[in-house]
Amino acid sequence: MKELTRRWKQPELDSNALNVSVRPLIALARRLNEAAAVKLLGETLKEEQATDEKLSLPAEEKVAAEALGRETV
């Protein structure tokens, strides 16, 4: 488990890859009755989803502004 946690903190893993990889791990941890792992993975997934949400809106606004020919900061 420590190796997986260490790998997730590396910057080259983007949030989509993490999101896709966490769900099967949660299911596996549940089948193995690893409550601590389920909790940690669930927290990680929630954090990533919150981060995605915070970053998506500004990115979408920038793309929309550029498509309309407006300058963005």
PDB file of N, CA and C in Angstrom:
ATOM      1  N   MET A   1       0.819  -1.197   0.000  1.00  0.00           N
ATOM      2  CA  MET A   1       0.000   0.000   0.000  1.00  0.00           C
ATOM      3  C   MET A   1       0.863   1.261   0.000  1.00  0.00           C
ATOM      4  N   LYS A   2       1.986   1.244   0.730  1.00  0.00           N
ATOM      5  CA  LYS A   2       2.860   2.408   0.769  1.00  0.00           C
ATOM      6  C   LYS A   2       3.391   2.745  -0.614  1.00  0.00           C
ATOM      7  N   GLU A   3       3.731   1.739  -1.407  1.00  0.00           N
ATOM      8  CA  GLU A   3       4.249   1.968  -2.751  1.00  0.00           C
ATOM      9  C   GLU A   3       3.198   2.643  -3.621  1.00  0.00           C
ATOM     10  N   LEU A   4       1.948   2.200  -3.529  1.00  0.00           N
ATOM     11  CA  LEU A   4       0.879   2.829  -4.308  1.00  0.00           C
ATOM     12  C   LEU A   4       0.690   4.269  -3.895  1.00  0.00           C
ATOM     13  N   THR A   5       0.681   4.539  -2.599  1.00  0.00           N
ATOM     14  CA  THR A   5       0.504   5.903  -2.107  1.00  0.00           C
ATOM     15  C   THR A   5       1.653   6.777  -2.582  1.00  0.00           C
ATOM     16  N   ARG A   6       2.860   6.285  -2.521  1.00  0.00           N
ATOM     17  CA  ARG A   6       4.025   7.039  -2.961  1.00  0.00           C
ATOM     18  C   ARG A   6       3.918   7.360  -4.450  1.00  0.00           C
ATOM     19  N   ARG A   7       3.502   6.412  -5.242  1.00  0.00           N
ATOM     20  CA  ARG A   7       3.380   6.636  -6.689  1.00  0.00           C
ATOM     21  C   ARG A   7       2.325   7.681  -6.999  1.00  0.00           C
ATOM     22  N   TRP A   8       1.240   7.718  -6.244  1.00  0.00           N
ATOM     23  CA  TRP A   8       0.170   8.674  -6.525  1.00  0.00           C
ATOM     24  C   TRP A   8       0.604  10.104  -6.274  1.00  0.00           C
ATOM     25  N   LYS A   9       1.573  10.308  -5.431  1.00  0.00           N
ATOM     26  CA  LYS A   9       2.017  11.655  -5.125  1.00  0.00           C
ATOM     27  C   LYS A   9       2.970  12.193  -6.179  1.00  0.00           C
ATOM     28  N   GLN A  10       3.361  11.375  -7.133  1.00  0.00           N
ATOM     29  CA  GLN A  10       4.254  11.829  -8.178  1.00  0.00           C
ATOM     30  C   GLN A  10       3.482  12.704  -9.165  1.00  0.00           C
ATOM     31  N   PRO A  11       4.061  13.833  -9.578  1.00  0.00           N
ATOM     32  CA  PRO A  11       3.349  14.781 -10.435  1.00  0.00           C
ATOM     33  C   PRO A  11       2.978  14.264 -11.814  1.00  0.00           C
ATOM     34  N   GLU A  12       3.688  13.244 -12.334  1.00  0.00           N
ATOM     35  CA  GLU A  12       3.382  12.784 -13.693  1.00  0.00           C
ATOM     36  C   GLU A  12       2.052  12.026 -13.787  1.00  0.00           C
ATOM     37  N   LEU A  13       1.462  11.666 -12.662  1.00  0.00           N
ATOM     38  CA  LEU A  13       0.159  11.013 -12.698  1.00  0.00           C
ATOM     39  C   LEU A  13      -0.927  12.078 -12.715  1.00  0.00           C
ATOM     40  N   ASP A  14      -1.634  12.205 -13.830  1.00  0.00           N
ATOM     41  CA  ASP A  14      -2.684  13.211 -13.873  1.00  0.00           C
ATOM     42  C   ASP A  14      -3.925  12.712 -13.150  1.00  0.00           C
ATOM     43  N   SER A  15      -4.843  13.631 -12.884  1.00  0.00           N
ATOM     44  CA  SER A  15      -6.011  13.294 -12.077  1.00  0.00           C
ATOM     45  C   SER A  15      -6.935  12.295 -12.768  1.00  0.00           C
ATOM     46  N   ASN A  16      -7.022  12.341 -14.092  1.00  0.00           N
ATOM     47  CA  ASN A  16      -7.888  11.387 -14.781  1.00  0.00           C
ATOM     48  C   ASN A  16      -7.350   9.971 -14.638  1.00  0.00           C
ATOM     49  N   ALA A  17      -6.052   9.813 -14.782  1.00  0.00           N
ATOM     50  CA  ALA A  17      -5.454   8.481 -14.626  1.00  0.00           C
ATOM     51  C   ALA A  17      -5.656   7.985 -13.205  1.00  0.00           C
ATOM     52  N   LEU A  18      -5.502   8.876 -12.259  1.00  0.00           N
ATOM     53  CA  LEU A  18      -5.691   8.492 -10.864  1.00  0.00           C
ATOM     54  C   LEU A  18      -7.142   8.118 -10.604  1.00  0.00           C
ATOM     55  N   ASN A  19      -8.060   8.912 -11.107  1.00  0.00           N
ATOM     56  CA  ASN A  19      -9.483   8.654 -10.912  1.00  0.00           C
ATOM     57  C   ASN A  19      -9.873   7.295 -11.486  1.00  0.00           C
ATOM     58  N   VAL A  20      -9.387   6.989 -12.662  1.00  0.00           N
ATOM     59  CA  VAL A  20      -9.715   5.720 -13.313  1.00  0.00           C
ATOM     60  C   VAL A  20      -9.081   4.547 -12.566  1.00  0.00           C
ATOM     61  N   SER A  21      -7.898   4.747 -12.035  1.00  0.00           N
ATOM     62  CA  SER A  21      -7.212   3.642 -11.365  1.00  0.00           C
ATOM     63  C   SER A  21      -7.690   3.422  -9.932  1.00  0.00           C
ATOM     64  N   VAL A  22      -8.253   4.430  -9.295  1.00  0.00           N
ATOM     65  CA  VAL A  22      -8.659   4.307  -7.896  1.00  0.00           C
ATOM     66  C   VAL A  22      -9.913   3.456  -7.740  1.00  0.00           C
ATOM     67  N   ARG A  23     -10.875   3.600  -8.599  1.00  0.00           N
ATOM     68  CA  ARG A  23     -12.136   2.865  -8.451  1.00  0.00           C
ATOM     69  C   ARG A  23     -11.939   1.338  -8.404  1.00  0.00           C
ATOM     70  N   PRO A  24     -11.163   0.757  -9.316  1.00  0.00           N
ATOM     71  CA  PRO A  24     -10.948  -0.699  -9.213  1.00  0.00           C
ATOM     72  C   PRO A  24     -10.194  -1.083  -7.940  1.00  0.00           C
ATOM     73  N   LEU A  25      -9.293  -0.218  -7.492  1.00  0.00           N
ATOM     74  CA  LEU A  25      -8.568  -0.507  -6.263  1.00  0.00           C
ATOM     75  C   LEU A  25      -9.491  -0.478  -5.049  1.00  0.00           C
ATOM     76  N   ILE A  26     -10.446   0.418  -5.055  1.00  0.00           N
ATOM     77  CA  ILE A  26     -11.432   0.468  -3.968  1.00  0.00           C
ATOM     78  C   ILE A  26     -12.233  -0.835  -3.956  1.00  0.00           C
ATOM     79  N   ALA A  27     -12.655  -1.264  -5.140  1.00  0.00           N
ATOM     80  CA  ALA A  27     -13.419  -2.511  -5.219  1.00  0.00           C
ATOM     81  C   ALA A  27     -12.581  -3.701  -4.726  1.00  0.00           C
ATOM     82  N   LEU A  28     -11.325  -3.729  -5.110  1.00  0.00           N
ATOM     83  CA  LEU A  28     -10.453  -4.809  -4.667  1.00  0.00           C
ATOM     84  C   LEU A  28     -10.254  -4.760  -3.144  1.00  0.00           C
ATOM     85  N   ALA A  29     -10.022  -3.581  -2.616  1.00  0.00           N
ATOM     86  CA  ALA A  29      -9.831  -3.439  -1.168  1.00  0.00           C
ATOM     87  C   ALA A  29     -11.078  -3.880  -0.408  1.00  0.00           C
ATOM     88  N   ARG A  30     -12.244  -3.585  -0.958  1.00  0.00           N
ATOM     89  CA  ARG A  30     -13.489  -4.031  -0.323  1.00  0.00           C
ATOM     90  C   ARG A  30     -13.574  -5.553  -0.299  1.00  0.00           C
ATOM     91  N   ARG A  31     -13.231  -6.177  -1.426  1.00  0.00           N
ATOM     92  CA  ARG A  31     -13.291  -7.646  -1.492  1.00  0.00           C
ATOM     93  C   ARG A  31     -12.300  -8.290  -0.531  1.00  0.00           C
ATOM     94  N   LEU A  32     -11.200  -7.602  -0.278  1.00  0.00           N
ATOM     95  CA  LEU A  32     -10.184  -8.119   0.632  1.00  0.00           C
ATOM     96  C   LEU A  32     -10.425  -7.684   2.083  1.00  0.00           C
ATOM     97  N   ASN A  33     -11.541  -6.992   2.298  1.00  0.00           N
ATOM     98  CA  ASN A  33     -11.886  -6.491   3.636  1.00  0.00           C
ATOM     99  C   ASN A  33     -10.790  -5.605   4.231  1.00  0.00           C
ATOM    100  N   GLU A  34     -10.229  -4.765   3.399  1.00  0.00           N
ATOM    101  CA  GLU A  34      -9.188  -3.827   3.827  1.00  0.00           C
ATOM    102  C   GLU A  34      -9.822  -2.453   4.045  1.00  0.00           C
ATOM    103  N   ALA A  35     -10.457  -2.281   5.200  1.00  0.00           N
ATOM    104  CA  ALA A  35     -11.204  -1.062   5.491  1.00  0.00           C
ATOM    105  C   ALA A  35     -10.324   0.187   5.454  1.00  0.00           C
ATOM    106  N   ALA A  36      -9.120   0.105   5.967  1.00  0.00           N
ATOM    107  CA  ALA A  36      -8.231   1.271   5.972  1.00  0.00           C
ATOM    108  C   ALA A  36      -7.881   1.699   4.542  1.00  0.00           C
ATOM    109  N   ALA A  37      -7.638   0.714   3.684  1.00  0.00           N
ATOM    110  CA  ALA A  37      -7.320   1.018   2.290  1.00  0.00           C
ATOM    111  C   ALA A  37      -8.533   1.617   1.581  1.00  0.00           C
ATOM    112  N   VAL A  38      -9.718   1.082   1.849  1.00  0.00           N
ATOM    113  CA  VAL A  38     -10.946   1.619   1.248  1.00  0.00           C
ATOM    114  C   VAL A  38     -11.121   3.076   1.658  1.00  0.00           C
ATOM    115  N   LYS A  39     -10.904   3.351   2.930  1.00  0.00           N
ATOM    116  CA  LYS A  39     -11.058   4.722   3.432  1.00  0.00           C
ATOM    117  C   LYS A  39     -10.056   5.660   2.768  1.00  0.00           C
ATOM    118  N   LEU A  40      -8.795   5.273   2.734  1.00  0.00           N
ATOM    119  CA  LEU A  40      -7.753   6.100   2.136  1.00  0.00           C
ATOM    120  C   LEU A  40      -8.004   6.330   0.648  1.00  0.00           C
ATOM    121  N   LEU A  41      -8.347   5.266  -0.057  1.00  0.00           N
ATOM    122  CA  LEU A  41      -8.614   5.398  -1.485  1.00  0.00           C
ATOM    123  C   LEU A  41      -9.846   6.257  -1.749  1.00  0.00           C
ATOM    124  N   GLY A  42     -10.872   6.122  -0.912  1.00  0.00           N
ATOM    125  CA  GLY A  42     -12.066   6.954  -1.051  1.00  0.00           C
ATOM    126  C   GLY A  42     -11.754   8.421  -0.837  1.00  0.00           C
ATOM    127  N   GLU A  43     -10.934   8.709   0.164  1.00  0.00           N
ATOM    128  CA  GLU A  43     -10.530  10.094   0.420  1.00  0.00           C
ATOM    129  C   GLU A  43      -9.731  10.648  -0.753  1.00  0.00           C
ATOM    130  N   THR A  44      -8.847   9.829  -1.283  1.00  0.00           N
ATOM    131  CA  THR A  44      -8.041  10.238  -2.432  1.00  0.00           C
ATOM    132  C   THR A  44      -8.935  10.552  -3.628  1.00  0.00           C
ATOM    133  N   LEU A  45      -9.908   9.698  -3.876  1.00  0.00           N
ATOM    134  CA  LEU A  45     -10.820   9.913  -4.994  1.00  0.00           C
ATOM    135  C   LEU A  45     -11.612  11.201  -4.819  1.00  0.00           C
ATOM    136  N   LYS A  46     -12.111  11.454  -3.625  1.00  0.00           N
ATOM    137  CA  LYS A  46     -12.867  12.691  -3.364  1.00  0.00           C
ATOM    138  C   LYS A  46     -11.998  13.929  -3.560  1.00  0.00           C
ATOM    139  N   GLU A  47     -10.758  13.862  -3.088  1.00  0.00           N
ATOM    140  CA  GLU A  47      -9.842  14.991  -3.262  1.00  0.00           C
ATOM    141  C   GLU A  47      -9.585  15.266  -4.733  1.00  0.00           C
ATOM    142  N   GLU A  48      -9.376  14.223  -5.489  1.00  0.00           N
ATOM    143  CA  GLU A  48      -9.116  14.385  -6.913  1.00  0.00           C
ATOM    144  C   GLU A  48     -10.337  14.936  -7.646  1.00  0.00           C
ATOM    145  N   GLN A  49     -11.508  14.474  -7.286  1.00  0.00           N
ATOM    146  CA  GLN A  49     -12.727  14.977  -7.913  1.00  0.00           C
ATOM    147  C   GLN A  49     -12.921  16.458  -7.585  1.00  0.00           C
ATOM    148  N   ALA A  50     -12.639  16.856  -6.354  1.00  0.00           N
ATOM    149  CA  ALA A  50     -12.758  18.261  -5.965  1.00  0.00           C
ATOM    150  C   ALA A  50     -11.755  19.124  -6.729  1.00  0.00           C
ATOM    151  N   THR A  51     -10.549  18.614  -6.878  1.00  0.00           N
ATOM    152  CA  THR A  51      -9.524  19.347  -7.623  1.00  0.00           C
ATOM    153  C   THR A  51      -9.919  19.483  -9.083  1.00  0.00           C
ATOM    154  N   ASP A  52     -10.397  18.409  -9.682  1.00  0.00           N
ATOM    155  CA  ASP A  52     -10.851  18.464 -11.076  1.00  0.00           C
ATOM    156  C   ASP A  52     -11.933  19.517 -11.250  1.00  0.00           C
ATOM    157  N   GLU A  53     -12.875  19.544 -10.331  1.00  0.00           N
ATOM    158  CA  GLU A  53     -13.975  20.502 -10.414  1.00  0.00           C
ATOM    159  C   GLU A  53     -13.459  21.935 -10.325  1.00  0.00           C
ATOM    160  N   LYS A  54     -12.529  22.183  -9.410  1.00  0.00           N
ATOM    161  CA  LYS A  54     -11.982  23.532  -9.238  1.00  0.00           C
ATOM    162  C   LYS A  54     -11.197  23.983 -10.461  1.00  0.00           C
ATOM    163  N   LEU A  55     -10.505  23.057 -11.108  1.00  0.00           N
ATOM    164  CA  LEU A  55      -9.668  23.412 -12.245  1.00  0.00           C
ATOM    165  C   LEU A  55     -10.417  23.425 -13.572  1.00  0.00           C
ATOM    166  N   SER A  56     -11.498  22.695 -13.659  1.00  0.00           N
ATOM    167  CA  SER A  56     -12.221  22.577 -14.931  1.00  0.00           C
ATOM    168  C   SER A  56     -12.914  23.872 -15.336  1.00  0.00           C
ATOM    169  N   LEU A  57     -13.565  24.537 -14.409  1.00  0.00           N
ATOM    170  CA  LEU A  57     -14.312  25.745 -14.752  1.00  0.00           C
ATOM    171  C   LEU A  57     -13.406  26.833 -15.323  1.00  0.00           C
ATOM    172  N   PRO A  58     -12.290  27.186 -14.667  1.00  0.00           N
ATOM    173  CA  PRO A  58     -11.424  28.206 -15.275  1.00  0.00           C
ATOM    174  C   PRO A  58     -10.889  27.789 -16.639  1.00  0.00           C
ATOM    175  N   ALA A  59     -10.572  26.521 -16.808  1.00  0.00           N
ATOM    176  CA  ALA A  59     -10.073  26.051 -18.101  1.00  0.00           C
ATOM    177  C   ALA A  59     -11.158  26.163 -19.170  1.00  0.00           C
ATOM    178  N   GLU A  60     -12.387  25.791 -18.838  1.00  0.00           N
ATOM    179  CA  GLU A  60     -13.495  25.886 -19.782  1.00  0.00           C
ATOM    180  C   GLU A  60     -13.780  27.338 -20.140  1.00  0.00           C
ATOM    181  N   GLU A  61     -13.704  28.222 -19.155  1.00  0.00           N
ATOM    182  CA  GLU A  61     -13.927  29.647 -19.411  1.00  0.00           C
ATOM    183  C   GLU A  61     -12.860  30.204 -20.346  1.00  0.00           C
ATOM    184  N   LYS A  62     -11.615  29.785 -20.155  1.00  0.00           N
ATOM    185  CA  LYS A  62     -10.524  30.246 -21.012  1.00  0.00           C
ATOM    186  C   LYS A  62     -10.728  29.774 -22.445  1.00  0.00           C
ATOM    187  N   VAL A  63     -11.081  28.524 -22.620  1.00  0.00           N
ATOM    188  CA  VAL A  63     -11.308  27.982 -23.960  1.00  0.00           C
ATOM    189  C   VAL A  63     -12.468  28.715 -24.639  1.00  0.00           C
ATOM    190  N   ALA A  64     -13.536  28.956 -23.894  1.00  0.00           N
ATOM    191  CA  ALA A  64     -14.687  29.663 -24.457  1.00  0.00           C
ATOM    192  C   ALA A  64     -14.307  31.085 -24.857  1.00  0.00           C
ATOM    193  N   ALA A  65     -13.547  31.773 -24.018  1.00  0.00           N
ATOM    194  CA  ALA A  65     -13.130  33.140 -24.329  1.00  0.00           C
ATOM    195  C   ALA A  65     -12.243  33.173 -25.568  1.00  0.00           C
ATOM    196  N   GLU A  66     -11.330  32.211 -25.664  1.00  0.00           N
ATOM    197  CA  GLU A  66     -10.462  32.150 -26.839  1.00  0.00           C
ATOM    198  C   GLU A  66     -11.260  31.851 -28.099  1.00  0.00           C
ATOM    199  N   ALA A  67     -12.273  31.009 -27.976  1.00  0.00           N
ATOM    200  CA  ALA A  67     -13.102  30.683 -29.133  1.00  0.00           C
ATOM    201  C   ALA A  67     -13.893  31.892 -29.607  1.00  0.00           C
ATOM    202  N   LEU A  68     -14.213  32.790 -28.685  1.00  0.00           N
ATOM    203  CA  LEU A  68     -14.943  34.013 -29.030  1.00  0.00           C
ATOM    204  C   LEU A  68     -14.016  35.152 -29.376  1.00  0.00           C
ATOM    205  N   GLY A  69     -12.709  34.904 -29.379  1.00  0.00           N
ATOM    206  CA  GLY A  69     -11.735  35.920 -29.752  1.00  0.00           C
ATOM    207  C   GLY A  69     -11.420  36.906 -28.652  1.00  0.00           C
ATOM    208  N   ARG A  70     -11.731  36.567 -27.423  1.00  0.00           N
ATOM    209  CA  ARG A  70     -11.429  37.449 -26.296  1.00  0.00           C
ATOM    210  C   ARG A  70     -10.071  37.082 -25.723  1.00  0.00           C
ATOM    211  N   GLU A  71      -9.433  38.096 -25.142  1.00  0.00           N
ATOM    212  CA  GLU A  71      -8.146  37.838 -24.496  1.00  0.00           C
ATOM    213  C   GLU A  71      -8.386  37.218 -23.139  1.00  0.00           C
ATOM    214  N   THR A  72      -7.470  36.345 -22.757  1.00  0.00           N
ATOM    215  CA  THR A  72      -7.553  35.732 -21.434  1.00  0.00           C
ATOM    216  C   THR A  72      -6.284  36.039 -20.663  1.00  0.00           C
ATOM    217  N   VAL A  73      -6.403  35.986 -19.360  1.00  0.00           N
ATOM    218  CA  VAL A  73      -5.257  36.258 -18.505  1.00  0.00           C
ATOM    219  C   VAL A  73      -4.736  34.961 -17.949  1.00  0.00           C
TER     220      VAL A  73
END
